[in-house]
Amino acid sequence: MKNYIIPVERIKKAQLRYNDLDENGLEVPEIKAYTIFIKKEDTYVNLFNFVKECNVYERLPYSNNTLDGEDYGTKIRLVCGKEEKGLCYVLEYGKMEELSHYDSIPLMDLYKIILKSNDFYFDRKDIINAYPHLVSRRERKKILENDDIMMDKLFDYLDEKEIGKTYKK
């Protein structure tokens, strides 16, 4: 397999969120689940699923304000996909911390960083299944066990959102 080199400025870490149009905002879930997007021309592509279309938002460098002038959160805007209720992704502002000292990175090295991360990447299992040699057997087992627990929590959260959506109809 060819080890592609990716310019770091095109790599964006994104958090999975739930867009609740009725409440006019993106919910911040208790469980933080991440994935990686690559900027390709004027769109973002999920590193783990090039075909799936995603609703992707980016953070803007200024905050929201209440009518009283209090700051809360940062503004976001849709950069890819469409404005609809359901799952979406919010790109983190700036460079990924783990990539701060790189200008470009080989794809396999990016995979290794994701595998070693303490953050929960919900598609990390795909890397382990495709490239089991990137981590030891013991590390692989630990990652899979932890990610299975986190995935259950993520699915519980998403199920709760879907049930809530059904009741509101």
Protein backbone atom coordinates (compact mmCIF):
# COMPACT_ATOMS: atom_id res chain seq x y z
CA MET A 1 0.00 0.00 0.00
CA LYS A 2 1.21 3.46 -0.84
CA ASN A 3 1.86 5.63 2.22
CA TYR A 4 0.31 8.95 1.21
CA ILE A 5 1.79 12.17 2.58
CA ILE A 6 -0.86 14.65 3.77
CA PRO A 7 -0.20 18.35 4.40
CA VAL A 8 -1.10 18.96 8.05
CA GLU A 9 -3.05 22.15 7.31
CA ARG A 10 -5.59 19.96 5.44
CA ILE A 11 -6.14 17.62 8.42
CA LYS A 12 -8.93 18.52 10.84
CA LYS A 13 -10.07 16.71 13.95
CA ALA A 14 -13.86 16.80 14.29
CA GLN A 15 -16.20 16.04 17.15
CA LEU A 16 -19.42 14.14 16.56
CA ARG A 17 -22.42 16.23 17.63
CA TYR A 18 -26.19 16.14 17.38
CA ASN A 19 -27.90 19.02 15.57
CA ASP A 20 -31.24 19.74 17.21
CA LEU A 21 -32.94 22.19 14.88
CA ASP A 22 -35.93 22.48 17.24
CA GLU A 23 -33.65 23.82 19.98
CA ASN A 24 -31.61 25.76 17.39
CA GLY A 25 -28.19 24.46 18.30
CA LEU A 26 -25.64 21.71 18.34
CA GLU A 27 -25.75 19.66 21.49
CA VAL A 28 -22.54 19.00 23.36
CA PRO A 29 -22.77 15.31 24.32
CA GLU A 30 -21.26 13.93 27.52
CA ILE A 31 -19.25 11.48 25.46
CA LYS A 32 -16.65 13.05 23.22
CA ALA A 33 -16.33 11.09 19.99
CA TYR A 34 -13.96 12.19 17.24
CA THR A 35 -13.00 11.49 13.66
CA ILE A 36 -10.63 13.04 11.14
CA PHE A 37 -11.52 15.05 8.06
CA ILE A 38 -9.25 15.99 5.17
CA LYS A 39 -9.91 19.19 3.25
CA LYS A 40 -10.12 18.51 -0.45
CA GLU A 41 -10.62 21.65 -2.54
CA ASP A 42 -13.73 23.30 -1.08
CA THR A 43 -15.12 20.32 0.84
CA TYR A 44 -14.20 18.01 3.71
CA VAL A 45 -13.88 14.25 3.35
CA ASN A 46 -13.99 11.78 6.24
CA LEU A 47 -10.63 10.00 6.37
CA PHE A 48 -12.35 6.70 7.16
CA ASN A 49 -15.27 6.92 4.75
CA PHE A 50 -14.64 8.91 1.57
CA VAL A 51 -18.05 8.14 0.08
CA LYS A 52 -20.37 9.09 2.93
CA GLU A 53 -21.64 12.65 2.75
CA CYS A 54 -21.38 14.44 6.08
CA ASN A 55 -22.78 17.62 7.56
CA VAL A 56 -19.66 19.45 8.70
CA TYR A 57 -19.42 22.71 10.65
CA GLU A 58 -16.39 24.81 11.46
CA ARG A 59 -15.78 27.06 14.44
CA LEU A 60 -15.42 30.75 13.80
CA PRO A 61 -12.87 32.83 15.74
CA TYR A 62 -15.54 34.84 17.58
CA SER A 63 -18.17 33.98 20.17
CA ASN A 64 -21.95 34.06 20.46
CA ASN A 65 -23.45 36.80 22.63
CA THR A 66 -26.63 36.97 24.68
CA LEU A 67 -28.89 40.03 24.49
CA ASP A 68 -27.18 41.20 27.70
CA GLY A 69 -23.78 41.08 26.00
CA GLU A 70 -22.48 37.92 27.71
CA ASP A 71 -20.25 35.65 25.63
CA TYR A 72 -21.12 31.97 25.37
CA GLY A 73 -19.58 29.40 23.07
CA THR A 74 -18.18 30.07 19.64
CA LYS A 75 -20.08 30.64 16.45
CA ILE A 76 -20.10 27.88 13.89
CA ARG A 77 -21.02 27.70 10.23
CA LEU A 78 -21.90 24.90 7.85
CA VAL A 79 -19.03 24.20 5.45
CA CYS A 80 -20.09 20.90 3.94
CA GLY A 81 -23.41 19.07 3.64
CA LYS A 82 -26.77 20.50 4.61
CA GLU A 83 -28.50 21.97 7.62
CA GLU A 84 -30.61 19.14 9.01
CA LYS A 85 -31.52 17.49 12.27
CA GLY A 86 -29.29 14.63 13.30
CA LEU A 87 -25.64 13.74 13.41
CA CYS A 88 -23.07 16.25 12.33
CA TYR A 89 -19.41 17.04 12.86
CA VAL A 90 -17.75 20.15 14.25
CA LEU A 91 -14.19 20.76 13.14
CA GLU A 92 -11.81 21.78 15.89
CA TYR A 93 -10.28 25.20 15.53
CA GLY A 94 -6.64 25.26 14.40
CA LYS A 95 -4.17 22.43 13.98
CA MET A 96 -4.51 19.12 15.77
CA GLU A 97 -2.34 19.37 18.87
CA GLU A 98 -0.63 16.04 18.07
CA LEU A 99 0.40 17.40 14.66
CA SER A 100 1.63 20.81 15.79
CA HIS A 101 5.28 20.14 14.93
CA TYR A 102 4.62 18.65 11.46
CA ASP A 103 4.19 20.34 8.09
CA SER A 104 3.07 17.09 6.47
CA ILE A 105 2.60 13.56 7.73
CA PRO A 106 2.49 10.10 6.18
CA LEU A 107 -0.96 8.49 6.44
CA MET A 108 0.39 5.53 8.44
CA ASP A 109 1.91 7.90 11.01
CA LEU A 110 -1.44 9.67 11.33
CA TYR A 111 -3.07 6.28 11.91
CA LYS A 112 -0.50 5.53 14.64
CA ILE A 113 -1.26 8.84 16.36
CA ILE A 114 -4.99 8.06 16.29
CA LEU A 115 -4.37 4.56 17.68
CA LYS A 116 -2.24 5.89 20.55
CA SER A 117 -4.60 8.74 21.40
CA ASN A 118 -6.51 8.85 24.69
CA ASP A 119 -9.41 10.46 22.79
CA PHE A 120 -12.20 8.22 21.55
CA TYR A 121 -12.19 7.91 17.76
CA PHE A 122 -15.33 5.98 16.93
CA ASP A 123 -13.86 4.64 13.68
CA ARG A 124 -10.52 3.61 15.20
CA LYS A 125 -11.59 -0.05 15.01
CA ASP A 126 -11.43 0.26 11.19
CA ILE A 127 -7.72 1.15 11.41
CA ILE A 128 -6.99 -1.75 13.76
CA ASN A 129 -8.81 -4.21 11.50
CA ALA A 130 -7.08 -2.93 8.36
CA TYR A 131 -3.59 -2.46 9.88
CA PRO A 132 -3.24 -4.69 12.96
CA HIS A 133 0.57 -4.46 12.77
CA LEU A 134 0.54 -0.77 13.81
CA VAL A 135 0.12 -1.66 17.50
CA SER A 136 1.04 -4.62 19.67
CA ARG A 137 -1.48 -7.35 20.41
CA ARG A 138 -1.88 -6.15 24.01
CA GLU A 139 -2.39 -2.51 22.92
CA ARG A 140 -4.87 -3.65 20.29
CA LYS A 141 -6.90 -5.57 22.87
CA LYS A 142 -6.92 -2.63 25.30
CA ILE A 143 -7.95 -0.15 22.58
CA LEU A 144 -10.77 -2.40 21.37
CA GLU A 145 -12.09 -3.02 24.89
CA ASN A 146 -12.10 0.69 25.76
CA ASP A 147 -13.58 1.69 22.41
CA ASP A 148 -16.35 -0.92 22.74
CA ILE A 149 -17.38 0.64 26.08
CA MET A 150 -17.31 4.13 24.59
CA MET A 151 -19.20 2.98 21.49
CA ASP A 152 -21.97 1.55 23.70
CA LYS A 153 -22.23 4.91 25.48
CA LEU A 154 -22.30 6.73 22.14
CA PHE A 155 -25.06 4.47 20.80
CA ASP A 156 -27.06 4.94 24.01
CA TYR A 157 -26.83 8.71 23.54
CA LEU A 158 -27.82 8.50 19.87
CA ASP A 159 -30.69 6.11 20.64
CA GLU A 160 -31.95 8.57 23.23
CA LYS A 161 -31.89 11.33 20.60
CA GLU A 162 -33.78 9.21 18.07
CA ILE A 163 -36.40 8.20 20.67
CA GLY A 164 -36.81 11.86 21.63
CA LYS A 165 -37.23 12.75 17.96
CA THR A 166 -39.98 10.14 17.64
CA TYR A 167 -41.90 11.47 20.66
CA LYS A 168 -41.76 15.08 19.43
CA LYS A 169 -43.50 14.25 16.15
